[in-house]
């Protein structure tokens, strides 16, 4: 019985790795609303998300590439650029592996949004 459960657990773990192989988990751990833009290694735009403070999302290319040739699949490593809603850069992460969790504050950059920061200081 233990061998059966062990086998089922191993199959489940392998399935999880396969099913989430082409995904990136995003989490906005800043106090600002940010735009997260994902690029593949060739610089191709793959996805874009607007995330409120303390919000998350998952990008995946599984549905986009279902039934396509392997050369059409997105190329790793990925890059995630976080920008303020006004368009200024907040942070950038490169060399992001498939299945990774990328947080806004873990990426290098200014990690400030000027207009939103002024509104917070003024009490708006």
Protein backbone atom coordinates (compact mmCIF):
# COMPACT_ATOMS: atom_id res chain seq x y z
CA UNK A 1 0.00 0.00 0.00
CA UNK A 2 2.85 2.39 0.80
CA UNK A 3 4.37 1.70 -2.63
CA UNK A 4 1.10 2.67 -4.34
CA UNK A 5 0.85 5.95 -2.42
CA UNK A 6 4.50 6.66 -3.08
CA UNK A 7 4.02 6.04 -6.79
CA UNK A 8 0.92 8.22 -6.90
CA UNK A 9 2.75 11.00 -5.08
CA UNK A 10 5.68 10.78 -7.52
CA UNK A 11 3.32 10.94 -10.51
CA UNK A 12 1.52 13.94 -8.99
CA UNK A 13 4.80 15.78 -8.40
CA UNK A 14 5.96 15.08 -11.96
CA UNK A 15 2.61 16.24 -13.35
CA UNK A 16 2.83 19.49 -11.37
CA UNK A 17 6.28 20.18 -12.78
CA UNK A 18 5.09 19.58 -16.33
CA UNK A 19 1.86 21.52 -16.01
CA UNK A 20 3.56 24.65 -14.66
CA UNK A 21 6.78 24.42 -16.68
CA UNK A 22 6.00 27.48 -18.82
CA UNK A 23 4.64 29.86 -16.23
CA UNK A 24 5.75 32.78 -14.09
CA UNK A 25 4.11 33.76 -10.83
CA UNK A 26 3.99 37.52 -10.27
CA UNK A 27 3.43 39.27 -6.95
CA UNK A 28 3.30 43.03 -6.45
CA UNK A 29 4.75 43.41 -2.96
CA UNK A 30 4.97 47.20 -3.28
CA UNK A 31 2.57 49.90 -2.13
CA UNK A 32 1.97 51.04 -5.73
CA UNK A 33 -0.22 49.80 -8.59
CA UNK A 34 2.28 48.42 -11.11
CA UNK A 35 2.35 47.08 -14.63
CA UNK A 36 4.30 43.81 -15.06
CA UNK A 37 5.53 43.08 -18.60
CA UNK A 38 6.99 39.68 -19.47
CA UNK A 39 9.46 39.07 -22.31
CA UNK A 40 11.12 35.89 -23.50
CA UNK A 41 14.85 35.53 -24.16
CA UNK A 42 14.37 36.80 -27.74
CA UNK A 43 12.71 40.02 -26.52
CA UNK A 44 9.24 38.93 -27.62
CA UNK A 45 6.43 40.41 -25.54
CA UNK A 46 4.59 37.53 -23.88
CA UNK A 47 2.18 39.14 -21.47
CA UNK A 48 1.25 42.19 -19.48
CA UNK A 49 -0.57 42.53 -16.15
CA UNK A 50 -1.73 45.49 -14.08
CA UNK A 51 -1.40 44.51 -10.43
CA UNK A 52 -2.64 46.47 -7.47
CA UNK A 53 -0.51 46.60 -4.34
CA UNK A 54 -0.32 43.18 -2.67
CA UNK A 55 -1.89 41.48 -5.69
CA UNK A 56 -0.64 38.54 -7.73
CA UNK A 57 -1.12 36.83 -11.08
CA UNK A 58 0.21 33.87 -13.01
CA UNK A 59 1.31 34.06 -16.62
CA UNK A 60 1.46 30.86 -18.65
CA UNK A 61 2.13 30.12 -22.30
CA UNK A 62 0.59 26.63 -22.21
CA UNK A 63 -2.65 27.67 -23.93
CA UNK A 64 -0.91 29.91 -26.46
CA UNK A 65 1.37 27.10 -27.62
CA UNK A 66 -0.98 24.13 -27.45
CA UNK A 67 -0.44 22.08 -30.58
CA UNK A 68 2.35 24.28 -31.96
CA UNK A 69 5.82 23.25 -32.94
CA UNK A 70 8.48 23.44 -30.25
CA UNK A 71 10.41 26.16 -32.12
CA UNK A 72 7.37 28.45 -31.73
CA UNK A 73 7.38 28.11 -27.93
CA UNK A 74 8.68 31.00 -25.86
CA UNK A 75 12.36 30.91 -25.03
CA UNK A 76 13.74 31.00 -21.50
CA UNK A 77 15.06 32.73 -19.52
CA UNK A 78 12.35 35.33 -19.19
CA UNK A 79 12.53 38.99 -18.18
CA UNK A 80 9.95 40.85 -16.12
CA UNK A 81 9.82 44.65 -16.21
CA UNK A 82 7.76 46.42 -13.57
CA UNK A 83 6.61 49.93 -14.46
CA UNK A 84 4.60 52.56 -12.64
CA UNK A 85 1.21 53.45 -14.06
CA UNK A 86 2.72 56.73 -15.25
CA UNK A 87 5.17 54.75 -17.41
CA UNK A 88 8.36 55.20 -15.39
CA UNK A 89 10.47 52.16 -14.61
CA UNK A 90 10.03 50.59 -11.17
CA UNK A 91 12.25 47.53 -11.48
CA UNK A 92 13.50 44.83 -13.81
CA UNK A 93 14.35 41.16 -13.33
CA UNK A 94 16.28 39.20 -15.93
CA UNK A 95 17.20 35.52 -16.11
CA UNK A 96 13.81 34.47 -14.73
CA UNK A 97 13.35 30.71 -14.89
CA UNK A 98 10.09 29.02 -15.85
CA UNK A 99 7.96 28.39 -12.77
CA UNK A 100 9.62 31.19 -10.77
CA UNK A 101 7.98 33.65 -8.39
CA UNK A 102 8.90 37.23 -9.28
CA UNK A 103 8.14 39.99 -6.79
CA UNK A 104 8.32 43.68 -7.64
CA UNK A 105 10.71 44.51 -4.82
CA UNK A 106 13.10 41.67 -5.66
CA UNK A 107 13.91 43.29 -9.01
CA UNK A 108 16.58 45.93 -9.41
CA UNK A 109 15.57 49.51 -10.10
CA UNK A 110 14.33 52.70 -8.49
CA UNK A 111 11.35 50.97 -6.81
CA UNK A 112 9.48 54.28 -6.63
CA UNK A 113 6.52 55.77 -8.43
CA UNK A 114 6.70 59.56 -8.29
CA UNK A 115 3.09 60.59 -8.93
CA UNK A 116 1.61 57.91 -6.69
CA UNK A 117 4.18 58.73 -4.00
CA UNK A 118 3.15 62.42 -4.08
CA UNK A 119 -0.52 61.43 -3.76
CA UNK A 120 0.23 59.25 -0.74
CA UNK A 121 2.17 62.08 0.93
CA UNK A 122 -0.69 64.52 0.28
CA UNK A 123 -3.24 62.10 1.70
CA UNK A 124 -5.11 61.33 -1.57
